[in-house]
Amino acid sequence: MSGGHWQYAGKRIESDLLEISRDDEALKHWPRTLGLLRRLATAIGDAEHTMDWAISGDTCIEDTNDDALANAIVKAVTGLE
């Protein structure tokens, strides 16, 4: 198994966004923005993982699922499909 195309950065991205979104000082100034980051964290982490896994050589890209990945991120922010 390889280290991934981007070294499976999705979980690090997700973790960092969640940490930022929970910062008490930042929440005083940017609560709405941090709420969006919190909602985006898992969706972006999952999308990165899917893309990374597909192009890392660990699997074969059969369908890029671009619409599905983009829609998951949009849904995370807006709640809309």
N, C-alpha and C. Protein backbone atom coordinates (compact mmCIF):
# COMPACT_ATOMS: atom_id res chain seq x y z
N MET A 1 0.84 -1.18 0.00
CA MET A 1 0.00 0.00 0.00
C MET A 1 0.89 1.24 0.00
N SER A 2 0.53 2.19 -0.83
CA SER A 2 1.32 3.41 -0.91
C SER A 2 0.92 4.38 0.21
N GLY A 3 1.58 5.50 0.24
CA GLY A 3 1.25 6.54 1.20
C GLY A 3 0.18 7.48 0.68
N GLY A 4 -0.40 7.13 -0.45
CA GLY A 4 -1.41 7.98 -1.05
C GLY A 4 -0.78 9.08 -1.89
N HIS A 5 -1.54 9.59 -2.80
CA HIS A 5 -1.06 10.65 -3.68
C HIS A 5 -0.72 11.91 -2.89
N TRP A 6 -1.55 12.22 -1.89
CA TRP A 6 -1.32 13.37 -1.02
C TRP A 6 -1.08 12.91 0.41
N GLN A 7 -0.56 11.71 0.55
CA GLN A 7 -0.28 11.11 1.87
C GLN A 7 -1.53 11.10 2.76
N TYR A 8 -2.68 10.85 2.12
CA TYR A 8 -3.95 10.76 2.86
C TYR A 8 -4.14 11.93 3.81
N ALA A 9 -4.04 13.12 3.26
CA ALA A 9 -4.11 14.35 4.06
C ALA A 9 -5.51 14.68 4.56
N GLY A 10 -6.52 13.99 4.07
CA GLY A 10 -7.91 14.32 4.41
C GLY A 10 -8.20 14.37 5.89
N LYS A 11 -7.72 13.40 6.63
CA LYS A 11 -7.99 13.39 8.07
C LYS A 11 -7.24 14.50 8.79
N ARG A 12 -6.05 14.85 8.30
CA ARG A 12 -5.34 15.98 8.89
C ARG A 12 -6.09 17.29 8.61
N ILE A 13 -6.58 17.43 7.37
CA ILE A 13 -7.36 18.62 7.01
C ILE A 13 -8.60 18.70 7.89
N GLU A 14 -9.30 17.59 8.00
CA GLU A 14 -10.51 17.54 8.82
C GLU A 14 -10.20 17.90 10.26
N SER A 15 -9.17 17.32 10.81
CA SER A 15 -8.79 17.59 12.20
C SER A 15 -8.42 19.05 12.40
N ASP A 16 -7.65 19.61 11.47
CA ASP A 16 -7.25 21.01 11.59
C ASP A 16 -8.45 21.94 11.51
N LEU A 17 -9.36 21.68 10.56
CA LEU A 17 -10.55 22.53 10.44
C LEU A 17 -11.41 22.45 11.70
N LEU A 18 -11.54 21.25 12.25
CA LEU A 18 -12.32 21.11 13.48
C LEU A 18 -11.66 21.84 14.64
N GLU A 19 -10.35 21.76 14.73
CA GLU A 19 -9.64 22.46 15.81
C GLU A 19 -9.84 23.97 15.69
N ILE A 20 -9.69 24.49 14.47
CA ILE A 20 -9.89 25.92 14.25
C ILE A 20 -11.31 26.32 14.59
N SER A 21 -12.28 25.50 14.18
CA SER A 21 -13.69 25.85 14.36
C SER A 21 -14.12 25.85 15.82
N ARG A 22 -13.32 25.26 16.69
CA ARG A 22 -13.66 25.18 18.12
C ARG A 22 -12.88 26.16 18.99
N ASP A 23 -12.05 26.97 18.36
CA ASP A 23 -11.21 27.89 19.11
C ASP A 23 -12.07 28.98 19.76
N ASP A 24 -12.02 29.06 21.09
CA ASP A 24 -12.87 29.99 21.83
C ASP A 24 -12.65 31.44 21.44
N GLU A 25 -11.42 31.85 21.28
CA GLU A 25 -11.14 33.25 20.91
C GLU A 25 -11.67 33.56 19.52
N ALA A 26 -11.43 32.67 18.57
CA ALA A 26 -11.91 32.89 17.21
C ALA A 26 -13.44 32.89 17.15
N LEU A 27 -14.06 32.05 17.97
CA LEU A 27 -15.52 31.98 17.99
C LEU A 27 -16.17 33.31 18.39
N LYS A 28 -15.44 34.12 19.18
CA LYS A 28 -15.96 35.43 19.57
C LYS A 28 -16.07 36.36 18.36
N HIS A 29 -15.22 36.16 17.38
CA HIS A 29 -15.13 37.07 16.24
C HIS A 29 -15.80 36.53 14.97
N TRP A 30 -15.72 35.22 14.75
CA TRP A 30 -16.17 34.63 13.50
C TRP A 30 -17.04 33.39 13.71
N PRO A 31 -18.10 33.49 14.49
CA PRO A 31 -18.89 32.28 14.78
C PRO A 31 -19.53 31.67 13.53
N ARG A 32 -20.02 32.48 12.62
CA ARG A 32 -20.66 31.93 11.42
C ARG A 32 -19.63 31.26 10.52
N THR A 33 -18.51 31.91 10.34
CA THR A 33 -17.45 31.34 9.49
C THR A 33 -16.95 30.04 10.07
N LEU A 34 -16.74 30.00 11.37
CA LEU A 34 -16.25 28.78 12.00
C LEU A 34 -17.30 27.67 11.97
N GLY A 35 -18.56 28.04 12.01
CA GLY A 35 -19.62 27.05 11.85
C GLY A 35 -19.55 26.40 10.47
N LEU A 36 -19.28 27.21 9.46
CA LEU A 36 -19.12 26.67 8.11
C LEU A 36 -17.90 25.75 8.02
N LEU A 37 -16.81 26.17 8.64
CA LEU A 37 -15.62 25.31 8.63
C LEU A 37 -15.90 23.98 9.30
N ARG A 38 -16.63 24.02 10.40
CA ARG A 38 -16.97 22.79 11.12
C ARG A 38 -17.81 21.88 10.23
N ARG A 39 -18.77 22.47 9.51
CA ARG A 39 -19.62 21.67 8.63
C ARG A 39 -18.84 21.14 7.43
N LEU A 40 -17.86 21.87 6.99
CA LEU A 40 -17.05 21.45 5.84
C LEU A 40 -16.02 20.38 6.19
N ALA A 41 -15.59 20.34 7.41
CA ALA A 41 -14.45 19.51 7.80
C ALA A 41 -14.58 18.06 7.36
N THR A 42 -15.64 17.40 7.71
CA THR A 42 -15.79 15.99 7.37
C THR A 42 -15.99 15.80 5.88
N ALA A 43 -16.78 16.68 5.25
CA ALA A 43 -17.04 16.55 3.82
C ALA A 43 -15.75 16.69 3.01
N ILE A 44 -14.92 17.65 3.38
CA ILE A 44 -13.65 17.84 2.66
C ILE A 44 -12.70 16.69 2.95
N GLY A 45 -12.64 16.26 4.19
CA GLY A 45 -11.79 15.12 4.54
C GLY A 45 -12.18 13.87 3.77
N ASP A 46 -13.48 13.61 3.69
CA ASP A 46 -13.96 12.44 2.96
C ASP A 46 -13.68 12.56 1.46
N ALA A 47 -13.90 13.75 0.90
CA ALA A 47 -13.66 13.95 -0.53
C ALA A 47 -12.17 13.77 -0.85
N GLU A 48 -11.31 14.35 -0.03
CA GLU A 48 -9.87 14.20 -0.27
C GLU A 48 -9.47 12.74 -0.19
N HIS A 49 -10.00 12.03 0.79
CA HIS A 49 -9.66 10.61 0.93
C HIS A 49 -10.08 9.82 -0.32
N THR A 50 -11.27 10.08 -0.81
CA THR A 50 -11.77 9.38 -1.99
C THR A 50 -10.88 9.65 -3.20
N MET A 51 -10.53 10.93 -3.41
CA MET A 51 -9.67 11.29 -4.54
C MET A 51 -8.27 10.71 -4.36
N ASP A 52 -7.71 10.85 -3.17
CA ASP A 52 -6.36 10.37 -2.88
C ASP A 52 -6.28 8.86 -3.11
N TRP A 53 -7.24 8.15 -2.61
CA TRP A 53 -7.25 6.70 -2.74
C TRP A 53 -7.35 6.29 -4.20
N ALA A 54 -8.16 7.03 -4.96
CA ALA A 54 -8.36 6.70 -6.37
C ALA A 54 -7.11 6.92 -7.22
N ILE A 55 -6.36 7.97 -6.94
CA ILE A 55 -5.21 8.25 -7.80
C ILE A 55 -3.87 7.83 -7.21
N SER A 56 -3.90 7.22 -6.03
CA SER A 56 -2.65 6.84 -5.38
C SER A 56 -2.03 5.58 -5.96
N GLY A 57 -2.78 4.87 -6.77
CA GLY A 57 -2.28 3.61 -7.30
C GLY A 57 -2.78 2.42 -6.50
N ASP A 58 -3.49 2.69 -5.40
CA ASP A 58 -4.03 1.60 -4.58
C ASP A 58 -5.28 1.00 -5.21
N THR A 59 -5.85 1.74 -6.14
CA THR A 59 -7.09 1.30 -6.77
C THR A 59 -7.11 1.82 -8.19
N CYS A 60 -8.09 1.42 -8.93
CA CYS A 60 -8.27 1.86 -10.31
C CYS A 60 -9.42 2.85 -10.36
N ILE A 61 -9.22 3.97 -11.04
CA ILE A 61 -10.28 4.96 -11.16
C ILE A 61 -11.26 4.47 -12.22
N GLU A 62 -12.43 4.08 -11.77
CA GLU A 62 -13.47 3.64 -12.69
C GLU A 62 -14.43 4.78 -12.99
N ASP A 63 -14.73 5.59 -12.01
CA ASP A 63 -15.64 6.71 -12.15
C ASP A 63 -15.15 7.78 -11.19
N THR A 64 -14.92 8.97 -11.70
CA THR A 64 -14.36 10.01 -10.86
C THR A 64 -15.35 10.55 -9.84
N ASN A 65 -16.64 10.34 -10.06
CA ASN A 65 -17.67 10.78 -9.11
C ASN A 65 -17.52 12.25 -8.73
N ASP A 66 -17.11 13.08 -9.70
CA ASP A 66 -16.91 14.49 -9.40
C ASP A 66 -18.18 15.14 -8.89
N ASP A 67 -19.31 14.88 -9.54
CA ASP A 67 -20.56 15.47 -9.09
C ASP A 67 -20.91 15.02 -7.68
N ALA A 68 -20.72 13.74 -7.39
CA ALA A 68 -21.06 13.22 -6.07
C ALA A 68 -20.19 13.86 -4.99
N LEU A 69 -18.90 14.00 -5.26
CA LEU A 69 -18.01 14.62 -4.26
C LEU A 69 -18.35 16.09 -4.07
N ALA A 70 -18.55 16.81 -5.18
CA ALA A 70 -18.88 18.23 -5.08
C ALA A 70 -20.23 18.43 -4.38
N ASN A 71 -21.20 17.59 -4.70
CA ASN A 71 -22.51 17.70 -4.08
C ASN A 71 -22.45 17.44 -2.58
N ALA A 72 -21.60 16.51 -2.15
CA ALA A 72 -21.45 16.23 -0.72
C ALA A 72 -20.91 17.45 0.02
N ILE A 73 -19.97 18.16 -0.60
CA ILE A 73 -19.42 19.36 0.03
C ILE A 73 -20.47 20.47 0.07
N VAL A 74 -21.19 20.66 -1.04
CA VAL A 74 -22.25 21.68 -1.07
C VAL A 74 -23.32 21.36 -0.02
N LYS A 75 -23.70 20.10 0.08
CA LYS A 75 -24.71 19.69 1.06
C LYS A 75 -24.23 19.97 2.48
N ALA A 76 -22.95 19.74 2.74
CA ALA A 76 -22.41 19.99 4.09
C ALA A 76 -22.56 21.45 4.48
N VAL A 77 -22.42 22.35 3.52
CA VAL A 77 -22.50 23.77 3.82
C VAL A 77 -23.93 24.27 3.82
N THR A 78 -24.70 23.83 2.83
CA THR A 78 -26.03 24.40 2.64
C THR A 78 -27.16 23.55 3.18
N GLY A 79 -26.90 22.25 3.33
CA GLY A 79 -27.97 21.34 3.70
C GLY A 79 -28.81 20.94 2.50
N LEU A 80 -28.45 21.46 1.32
CA LEU A 80 -29.19 21.16 0.08
C LEU A 80 -28.48 20.09 -0.71
N GLU A 81 -29.23 19.35 -1.49
CA GLU A 81 -28.64 18.32 -2.35
C GLU A 81 -28.50 18.84 -3.75
